[in-house]
């Protein structure tokens, strides 16, 4: 059986923005919730500023920052790899990229049957 794929990863643009925000704010973390408005975008916070809930799932790390997703949202997205990117626009009101003229955005792709089986075998879904 092969190693499980990453459940979250970041584009070069996202990693560069993470580095810029880390230089300004220190260690970072991300949270992806469900819902509308700001809740539908990945939110970037200083590490520990957002309280992770009991049902939140840590998908992995991007740019050395832990990335969490709400449990109910994970159930919808567990068959997909989240790819964090950056696009022009305004960030979420409470997300650290607000005011930078860009925002984080989730792109995704479905895992293959083999990739999902590897995640299941590793206890990650």
C-alpha atoms as a PDB file:
ATOM      1  CA  UNK A   1       0.000   0.000   0.000  1.00  0.00           C
ATOM      2  CA  UNK A   2       1.327   3.442  -0.852  1.00  0.00           C
ATOM      3  CA  UNK A   3       1.734   6.366   1.510  1.00  0.00           C
ATOM      4  CA  UNK A   4      -1.426   8.445   1.903  1.00  0.00           C
ATOM      5  CA  UNK A   5      -1.551  11.682  -0.091  1.00  0.00           C
ATOM      6  CA  UNK A   6      -1.518  15.082   1.534  1.00  0.00           C
ATOM      7  CA  UNK A   7      -5.014  16.189   2.468  1.00  0.00           C
ATOM      8  CA  UNK A   8      -4.068  19.868   2.230  1.00  0.00           C
ATOM      9  CA  UNK A   9      -1.330  21.580   0.270  1.00  0.00           C
ATOM     10  CA  UNK A  10      -0.543  25.113  -0.902  1.00  0.00           C
ATOM     11  CA  UNK A  11       0.500  26.744  -4.140  1.00  0.00           C
ATOM     12  CA  UNK A  12       3.719  28.739  -4.360  1.00  0.00           C
ATOM     13  CA  UNK A  13       1.682  31.978  -4.228  1.00  0.00           C
ATOM     14  CA  UNK A  14      -0.013  30.847  -1.027  1.00  0.00           C
ATOM     15  CA  UNK A  15       3.309  29.823   0.526  1.00  0.00           C
ATOM     16  CA  UNK A  16       4.794  33.235  -0.320  1.00  0.00           C
ATOM     17  CA  UNK A  17       1.830  35.001   1.303  1.00  0.00           C
ATOM     18  CA  UNK A  18       2.132  32.759   4.371  1.00  0.00           C
ATOM     19  CA  UNK A  19       5.817  33.719   4.668  1.00  0.00           C
ATOM     20  CA  UNK A  20       4.914  37.420   4.411  1.00  0.00           C
ATOM     21  CA  UNK A  21       2.199  37.109   7.063  1.00  0.00           C
ATOM     22  CA  UNK A  22       4.463  35.069   9.366  1.00  0.00           C
ATOM     23  CA  UNK A  23       7.156  37.775   9.171  1.00  0.00           C
ATOM     24  CA  UNK A  24       4.577  40.310  10.320  1.00  0.00           C
ATOM     25  CA  UNK A  25       2.511  38.263  12.809  1.00  0.00           C
ATOM     26  CA  UNK A  26       4.648  35.330  13.961  1.00  0.00           C
ATOM     27  CA  UNK A  27       3.519  31.688  13.908  1.00  0.00           C
ATOM     28  CA  UNK A  28       0.262  31.092  12.038  1.00  0.00           C
ATOM     29  CA  UNK A  29      -2.635  28.655  11.813  1.00  0.00           C
ATOM     30  CA  UNK A  30      -5.514  28.102   9.389  1.00  0.00           C
ATOM     31  CA  UNK A  31      -9.123  27.074   9.853  1.00  0.00           C
ATOM     32  CA  UNK A  32     -11.638  26.109   7.185  1.00  0.00           C
ATOM     33  CA  UNK A  33     -15.229  26.126   8.319  1.00  0.00           C
ATOM     34  CA  UNK A  34     -18.441  25.636   6.429  1.00  0.00           C
ATOM     35  CA  UNK A  35     -21.059  28.253   5.994  1.00  0.00           C
ATOM     36  CA  UNK A  36     -21.410  31.478   4.151  1.00  0.00           C
ATOM     37  CA  UNK A  37     -19.447  34.675   3.887  1.00  0.00           C
ATOM     38  CA  UNK A  38     -16.059  34.577   5.635  1.00  0.00           C
ATOM     39  CA  UNK A  39     -16.695  31.007   6.777  1.00  0.00           C
ATOM     40  CA  UNK A  40     -16.411  29.628   3.259  1.00  0.00           C
ATOM     41  CA  UNK A  41     -12.807  30.796   2.829  1.00  0.00           C
ATOM     42  CA  UNK A  42      -9.752  29.473   4.627  1.00  0.00           C
ATOM     43  CA  UNK A  43      -9.008  31.828   7.494  1.00  0.00           C
ATOM     44  CA  UNK A  44      -5.467  32.620   8.665  1.00  0.00           C
ATOM     45  CA  UNK A  45      -4.854  33.556  12.300  1.00  0.00           C
ATOM     46  CA  UNK A  46      -1.895  34.015  14.628  1.00  0.00           C
ATOM     47  CA  UNK A  47      -1.200  30.580  16.110  1.00  0.00           C
ATOM     48  CA  UNK A  48      -3.493  29.977  19.081  1.00  0.00           C
ATOM     49  CA  UNK A  49      -5.760  32.978  18.419  1.00  0.00           C
ATOM     50  CA  UNK A  50      -8.514  30.752  17.026  1.00  0.00           C
ATOM     51  CA  UNK A  51      -9.755  28.125  19.452  1.00  0.00           C
ATOM     52  CA  UNK A  52      -9.890  24.749  17.732  1.00  0.00           C
ATOM     53  CA  UNK A  53     -13.047  22.827  18.615  1.00  0.00           C
ATOM     54  CA  UNK A  54     -13.341  19.226  19.770  1.00  0.00           C
ATOM     55  CA  UNK A  55     -14.781  18.198  16.397  1.00  0.00           C
ATOM     56  CA  UNK A  56     -12.262  20.059  14.241  1.00  0.00           C
ATOM     57  CA  UNK A  57      -9.886  17.912  12.186  1.00  0.00           C
ATOM     58  CA  UNK A  58      -6.241  18.754  11.555  1.00  0.00           C
ATOM     59  CA  UNK A  59      -5.687  18.052   7.849  1.00  0.00           C
ATOM     60  CA  UNK A  60      -1.992  18.820   7.892  1.00  0.00           C
ATOM     61  CA  UNK A  61       0.235  21.862   7.561  1.00  0.00           C
ATOM     62  CA  UNK A  62       0.878  24.416   4.861  1.00  0.00           C
ATOM     63  CA  UNK A  63       3.973  26.564   5.123  1.00  0.00           C
ATOM     64  CA  UNK A  64       4.592  25.153   8.634  1.00  0.00           C
ATOM     65  CA  UNK A  65       1.165  26.390   9.757  1.00  0.00           C
ATOM     66  CA  UNK A  66      -1.373  23.826  11.013  1.00  0.00           C
ATOM     67  CA  UNK A  67      -4.541  23.642   8.900  1.00  0.00           C
ATOM     68  CA  UNK A  68      -7.822  22.622  10.564  1.00  0.00           C
ATOM     69  CA  UNK A  69     -11.274  22.013   9.140  1.00  0.00           C
ATOM     70  CA  UNK A  70     -14.566  21.750  10.997  1.00  0.00           C
ATOM     71  CA  UNK A  71     -15.748  18.178  11.516  1.00  0.00           C
ATOM     72  CA  UNK A  72     -18.989  18.560   9.541  1.00  0.00           C
ATOM     73  CA  UNK A  73     -17.102  20.244   6.693  1.00  0.00           C
ATOM     74  CA  UNK A  74     -14.519  17.436   6.742  1.00  0.00           C
ATOM     75  CA  UNK A  75     -17.313  14.904   6.144  1.00  0.00           C
ATOM     76  CA  UNK A  76     -18.182  16.729   2.912  1.00  0.00           C
ATOM     77  CA  UNK A  77     -14.575  17.202   1.790  1.00  0.00           C
ATOM     78  CA  UNK A  78     -12.848  13.998   2.959  1.00  0.00           C
ATOM     79  CA  UNK A  79     -12.778  12.656  -0.615  1.00  0.00           C
ATOM     80  CA  UNK A  80     -10.873  15.706  -1.843  1.00  0.00           C
ATOM     81  CA  UNK A  81      -7.423  17.196  -1.535  1.00  0.00           C
ATOM     82  CA  UNK A  82      -7.610  20.877  -0.578  1.00  0.00           C
ATOM     83  CA  UNK A  83      -5.209  23.089  -2.494  1.00  0.00           C
ATOM     84  CA  UNK A  84      -4.840  26.516  -0.905  1.00  0.00           C
ATOM     85  CA  UNK A  85      -4.208  29.257  -3.444  1.00  0.00           C
ATOM     86  CA  UNK A  86      -4.223  33.065  -3.536  1.00  0.00           C
ATOM     87  CA  UNK A  87      -6.367  35.271  -5.762  1.00  0.00           C
ATOM     88  CA  UNK A  88      -6.933  39.003  -5.981  1.00  0.00           C
ATOM     89  CA  UNK A  89      -9.664  40.309  -3.717  1.00  0.00           C
ATOM     90  CA  UNK A  90     -10.431  41.054  -0.108  1.00  0.00           C
ATOM     91  CA  UNK A  91      -9.638  38.508   2.553  1.00  0.00           C
ATOM     92  CA  UNK A  92     -12.030  37.468   5.288  1.00  0.00           C
ATOM     93  CA  UNK A  93     -12.726  40.174   7.830  1.00  0.00           C
ATOM     94  CA  UNK A  94     -10.774  38.389  10.571  1.00  0.00           C
ATOM     95  CA  UNK A  95      -8.202  36.636   8.375  1.00  0.00           C
ATOM     96  CA  UNK A  96      -4.685  38.073   8.438  1.00  0.00           C
ATOM     97  CA  UNK A  97      -4.482  38.603   4.672  1.00  0.00           C
ATOM     98  CA  UNK A  98      -7.323  41.149   4.892  1.00  0.00           C
ATOM     99  CA  UNK A  99      -5.997  44.432   3.526  1.00  0.00           C
ATOM    100  CA  UNK A 100      -3.308  42.786   1.358  1.00  0.00           C
ATOM    101  CA  UNK A 101      -5.384  43.018  -1.831  1.00  0.00           C
ATOM    102  CA  UNK A 102      -5.429  39.222  -2.077  1.00  0.00           C
ATOM    103  CA  UNK A 103      -7.201  36.378  -0.328  1.00  0.00           C
ATOM    104  CA  UNK A 104      -6.735  32.698   0.284  1.00  0.00           C
ATOM    105  CA  UNK A 105      -8.952  30.416  -1.793  1.00  0.00           C
ATOM    106  CA  UNK A 106      -9.605  26.667  -1.685  1.00  0.00           C
ATOM    107  CA  UNK A 107      -9.241  24.689  -4.865  1.00  0.00           C
ATOM    108  CA  UNK A 108      -9.748  20.948  -4.737  1.00  0.00           C
ATOM    109  CA  UNK A 109      -9.395  17.692  -6.570  1.00  0.00           C
ATOM    110  CA  UNK A 110     -10.976  14.313  -5.883  1.00  0.00           C
ATOM    111  CA  UNK A 111      -8.719  11.606  -4.523  1.00  0.00           C
ATOM    112  CA  UNK A 112      -8.364   8.522  -6.697  1.00  0.00           C
ATOM    113  CA  UNK A 113      -9.756   5.272  -5.295  1.00  0.00           C
ATOM    114  CA  UNK A 114      -6.206   4.187  -4.444  1.00  0.00           C
ATOM    115  CA  UNK A 115      -5.397   7.458  -2.675  1.00  0.00           C
ATOM    116  CA  UNK A 116      -8.613   7.302  -0.646  1.00  0.00           C
ATOM    117  CA  UNK A 117      -7.874   3.680   0.290  1.00  0.00           C
ATOM    118  CA  UNK A 118      -4.411   4.740   1.487  1.00  0.00           C
ATOM    119  CA  UNK A 119      -5.972   7.499   3.611  1.00  0.00           C
ATOM    120  CA  UNK A 120      -8.493   5.032   5.055  1.00  0.00           C
ATOM    121  CA  UNK A 121      -5.744   2.500   5.831  1.00  0.00           C
ATOM    122  CA  UNK A 122      -3.821   5.255   7.661  1.00  0.00           C
ATOM    123  CA  UNK A 123      -6.936   6.142   9.703  1.00  0.00           C
ATOM    124  CA  UNK A 124      -7.151   9.619   8.177  1.00  0.00           C
ATOM    125  CA  UNK A 125     -10.757   9.484   6.875  1.00  0.00           C
END
